[in-house]
């Protein structure tokens, strides 16, 4: 199936005036880094427990930078499966008094509201998910959208940018911590497996790889 089927269904950004150079960089798509922490590997049956999204900005020189992060702890949906091994891996404590989890609908609604503002500011028609092993995060995001019945999902439904692949190309590393180390990005293993921390580190990694490519002459002209 071609992604071109979705190119005629842009978000209504309401933008007028000069086109932002970000819109030219990725064919009208705004990169948004997403990480989820879950109760297992099956997006149809396993709980979404945390979600974070970091928008990407572009400076006057055409270089990318992490902009704003949205983060929510999420209540498991009714009947969701949660594997103890997943909780042990992430360190999430569902009964922690300070967890302050919200519903999937609330989390997605707030994140999408913020993303639409970024789409408008960058003259972009749709967001494209960036993730480390991005198909995993996109699968859980799409499943949550389906469960909540949210109609206006700003993300492309199946295209994504995978930093595991990009880091393998750029640094010969596919594990997030090792890729960050190779890219001279500080990475604290004790903070890992939090959706907020992993999202922000993935955003740094993505921006670093794209900016390095630009510095090497791989992307110079924003007008074509």
Protein backbone atom coordinates (compact mmCIF):
# COMPACT_ATOMS: atom_id res chain seq x y z
CA UNK A 1 0.00 0.00 0.00
CA UNK A 2 1.39 3.39 -0.96
CA UNK A 3 1.74 6.19 1.58
CA UNK A 4 0.60 8.49 -1.24
CA UNK A 5 -2.96 7.40 -0.43
CA UNK A 6 -2.64 9.54 2.71
CA UNK A 7 -0.94 12.56 1.16
CA UNK A 8 -4.27 14.06 0.11
CA UNK A 9 -5.63 13.97 3.68
CA UNK A 10 -3.63 16.67 5.47
CA UNK A 11 -4.26 18.05 8.90
CA UNK A 12 -6.05 21.40 8.76
CA UNK A 13 -3.15 23.43 10.15
CA UNK A 14 -4.75 26.80 9.45
CA UNK A 15 -1.33 28.13 8.46
CA UNK A 16 -0.96 31.16 6.22
CA UNK A 17 2.13 33.06 5.16
CA UNK A 18 5.61 31.81 4.21
CA UNK A 19 6.13 28.06 4.37
CA UNK A 20 8.35 26.94 7.25
CA UNK A 21 11.52 25.15 6.05
CA UNK A 22 10.63 22.14 8.24
CA UNK A 23 7.77 21.44 5.83
CA UNK A 24 10.25 21.01 2.97
CA UNK A 25 12.64 18.77 4.91
CA UNK A 26 10.39 15.71 5.28
CA UNK A 27 7.78 16.18 2.54
CA UNK A 28 5.40 18.08 4.78
CA UNK A 29 5.72 15.72 7.74
CA UNK A 30 6.72 16.88 11.20
CA UNK A 31 8.93 14.39 13.08
CA UNK A 32 7.61 13.64 16.56
CA UNK A 33 9.54 11.24 18.77
CA UNK A 34 7.36 8.79 20.71
CA UNK A 35 8.14 6.15 23.31
CA UNK A 36 5.70 3.90 25.14
CA UNK A 37 6.06 1.63 28.15
CA UNK A 38 3.66 -1.27 28.12
CA UNK A 39 2.43 -4.38 29.88
CA UNK A 40 3.78 -6.66 27.15
CA UNK A 41 4.52 -6.90 23.45
CA UNK A 42 1.01 -7.32 22.00
CA UNK A 43 -0.53 -3.92 21.24
CA UNK A 44 -4.02 -5.42 20.90
CA UNK A 45 -4.13 -7.06 24.34
CA UNK A 46 -1.41 -5.53 26.52
CA UNK A 47 -1.72 -2.32 28.53
CA UNK A 48 -0.28 1.03 27.55
CA UNK A 49 1.28 2.26 30.82
CA UNK A 50 3.30 5.36 29.80
CA UNK A 51 3.54 7.51 26.70
CA UNK A 52 5.78 10.46 25.86
CA UNK A 53 6.09 12.55 22.72
CA UNK A 54 8.80 15.10 21.89
CA UNK A 55 8.25 17.55 19.06
CA UNK A 56 11.20 18.47 16.85
CA UNK A 57 12.08 22.04 15.91
CA UNK A 58 14.37 23.53 13.27
CA UNK A 59 16.63 26.55 13.73
CA UNK A 60 17.46 29.22 11.16
CA UNK A 61 20.40 27.19 9.90
CA UNK A 62 18.23 24.19 9.13
CA UNK A 63 19.43 22.11 12.08
CA UNK A 64 17.00 20.07 14.15
CA UNK A 65 16.61 20.19 17.93
CA UNK A 66 14.26 18.57 20.50
CA UNK A 67 11.54 21.07 21.34
CA UNK A 68 8.80 20.11 23.81
CA UNK A 69 7.99 16.85 25.58
CA UNK A 70 4.51 15.67 26.55
CA UNK A 71 4.39 12.83 29.09
CA UNK A 72 1.61 10.85 30.73
CA UNK A 73 1.34 7.80 32.94
CA UNK A 74 -1.63 5.84 31.67
CA UNK A 75 -4.31 3.76 33.37
CA UNK A 76 -4.55 0.26 31.88
CA UNK A 77 -7.64 -0.09 29.71
CA UNK A 78 -10.40 -2.42 30.90
CA UNK A 79 -9.36 -6.05 30.51
CA UNK A 80 -5.76 -5.19 29.58
CA UNK A 81 -3.09 -7.84 30.03
CA UNK A 82 -0.05 -6.87 32.12
CA UNK A 83 2.91 -9.20 32.35
CA UNK A 84 4.86 -9.10 35.61
CA UNK A 85 8.06 -9.44 33.60
CA UNK A 86 7.21 -6.16 31.83
CA UNK A 87 6.73 -4.36 35.16
CA UNK A 88 10.00 -5.78 36.47
CA UNK A 89 11.79 -4.57 33.33
CA UNK A 90 10.40 -1.03 33.38
CA UNK A 91 10.22 -0.61 37.15
CA UNK A 92 6.67 0.72 36.88
CA UNK A 93 4.66 0.37 40.10
CA UNK A 94 0.97 0.54 39.23
CA UNK A 95 -0.09 1.11 42.84
CA UNK A 96 2.40 3.90 43.57
CA UNK A 97 0.51 6.79 45.26
CA UNK A 98 2.32 9.39 43.12
CA UNK A 99 1.76 7.62 39.79
CA UNK A 100 -1.23 9.89 38.97
CA UNK A 101 -2.19 8.00 35.83
CA UNK A 102 -4.78 9.29 33.35
CA UNK A 103 -6.97 7.52 30.81
CA UNK A 104 -5.70 6.70 27.34
CA UNK A 105 -8.20 9.16 25.91
CA UNK A 106 -6.99 12.01 28.11
CA UNK A 107 -3.32 11.33 27.35
CA UNK A 108 -3.81 11.11 23.59
CA UNK A 109 -6.14 14.10 23.45
CA UNK A 110 -3.63 16.31 25.25
CA UNK A 111 -0.68 15.09 23.19
CA UNK A 112 -2.56 15.51 19.90
CA UNK A 113 -3.67 19.01 20.88
CA UNK A 114 -0.04 20.01 21.39
CA UNK A 115 1.06 18.34 18.16
CA UNK A 116 -1.50 20.25 16.11
CA UNK A 117 -0.03 23.51 17.38
CA UNK A 118 3.41 22.32 16.26
CA UNK A 119 2.04 21.25 12.88
CA UNK A 120 0.61 24.71 12.35
CA UNK A 121 3.80 26.46 13.48
CA UNK A 122 5.91 24.38 11.10
CA UNK A 123 3.51 24.50 8.11
CA UNK A 124 3.34 20.69 8.18
CA UNK A 125 0.36 18.61 7.13
CA UNK A 126 0.90 15.58 9.39
CA UNK A 127 3.16 14.19 12.08
CA UNK A 128 5.39 11.20 11.45
CA UNK A 129 6.39 9.04 14.39
CA UNK A 130 10.08 8.70 15.23
CA UNK A 131 10.95 5.87 17.59
CA UNK A 132 13.65 3.41 18.56
CA UNK A 133 12.17 0.28 16.98
CA UNK A 134 9.37 2.56 15.85
CA UNK A 135 6.91 -0.11 14.68
CA UNK A 136 6.44 -1.13 18.34
CA UNK A 137 5.54 2.39 19.48
CA UNK A 138 3.37 3.08 16.43
CA UNK A 139 1.47 -0.17 16.97
CA UNK A 140 0.60 0.71 20.57
CA UNK A 141 -0.27 4.29 19.61
CA UNK A 142 -2.61 3.16 16.84
CA UNK A 143 -4.23 0.53 19.10
CA UNK A 144 -4.93 3.16 21.77
CA UNK A 145 -6.40 5.50 19.15
CA UNK A 146 -8.71 2.70 17.99
CA UNK A 147 -9.81 1.87 21.55
CA UNK A 148 -10.59 5.48 22.42
CA UNK A 149 -12.35 6.28 19.14
CA UNK A 150 -10.32 9.46 18.58
CA UNK A 151 -11.11 10.60 15.05
CA UNK A 152 -8.30 13.04 14.24
CA UNK A 153 -5.00 11.26 14.69
CA UNK A 154 -2.22 13.63 13.48
CA UNK A 155 0.23 10.77 12.88
CA UNK A 156 0.72 8.98 9.59
CA UNK A 157 -0.93 5.58 10.17
CA UNK A 158 1.95 3.34 9.07
CA UNK A 159 5.05 5.32 8.04
CA UNK A 160 7.71 6.06 10.66
CA UNK A 161 11.38 6.88 11.16
CA UNK A 162 13.29 4.21 13.10
CA UNK A 163 16.33 5.43 15.04
CA UNK A 164 17.52 1.85 15.56
CA UNK A 165 17.99 1.64 11.80
CA UNK A 166 19.41 5.15 11.51
CA UNK A 167 21.85 4.55 14.38
CA UNK A 168 22.92 1.27 12.81
CA UNK A 169 23.76 3.19 9.65
CA UNK A 170 25.41 6.16 11.37
CA UNK A 171 27.19 4.48 14.30
CA UNK A 172 27.00 0.71 13.86
CA UNK A 173 24.86 0.50 17.01
CA UNK A 174 21.18 -0.44 17.32
CA UNK A 175 20.71 -0.48 21.12
CA UNK A 176 19.61 2.97 22.31
CA UNK A 177 22.14 3.26 25.15
CA UNK A 178 25.04 2.16 22.95
CA UNK A 179 23.93 4.39 20.08
CA UNK A 180 23.79 7.39 22.42
CA UNK A 181 27.23 6.55 23.73
CA UNK A 182 28.60 6.39 20.18
CA UNK A 183 26.96 9.75 19.46
CA UNK A 184 28.46 11.35 22.61
CA UNK A 185 25.01 11.71 24.18
CA UNK A 186 24.88 11.22 27.96
CA UNK A 187 22.77 8.18 28.84
CA UNK A 188 21.94 7.08 32.39
CA UNK A 189 20.97 3.42 32.47
CA UNK A 190 19.18 3.97 35.79
CA UNK A 191 16.78 6.38 34.09
CA UNK A 192 16.17 4.17 31.06
CA UNK A 193 12.81 2.51 30.38
CA UNK A 194 10.93 5.61 31.44
CA UNK A 195 8.90 6.84 28.47
CA UNK A 196 9.95 10.44 29.11
CA UNK A 197 13.68 9.68 29.41
CA UNK A 198 13.83 7.31 26.44
CA UNK A 199 11.84 9.72 24.26
CA UNK A 200 14.11 12.65 25.02
CA UNK A 201 17.26 10.60 24.41
CA UNK A 202 15.83 9.22 21.18
CA UNK A 203 15.03 12.78 20.11
CA UNK A 204 18.63 13.83 20.76
CA UNK A 205 19.86 10.84 18.77
CA UNK A 206 17.53 11.52 15.83
CA UNK A 207 18.44 15.20 15.66
CA UNK A 208 22.13 14.37 15.91
CA UNK A 209 22.01 11.92 13.01
CA UNK A 210 19.98 14.23 10.76
CA UNK A 211 22.20 17.20 11.60
CA UNK A 212 25.36 15.18 10.97
CA UNK A 213 24.01 14.23 7.56
CA UNK A 214 23.36 17.89 6.79
CA UNK A 215 26.88 18.87 7.89
CA UNK A 216 28.27 16.26 5.51
CA UNK A 217 26.39 17.86 2.62
CA UNK A 218 23.51 15.40 2.48
CA UNK A 219 20.82 18.08 2.74
CA UNK A 220 21.48 21.65 1.72
CA UNK A 221 18.58 23.09 -0.27
CA UNK A 222 15.23 23.61 1.51
CA UNK A 223 13.56 24.90 -1.63
CA UNK A 224 13.50 21.64 -3.58
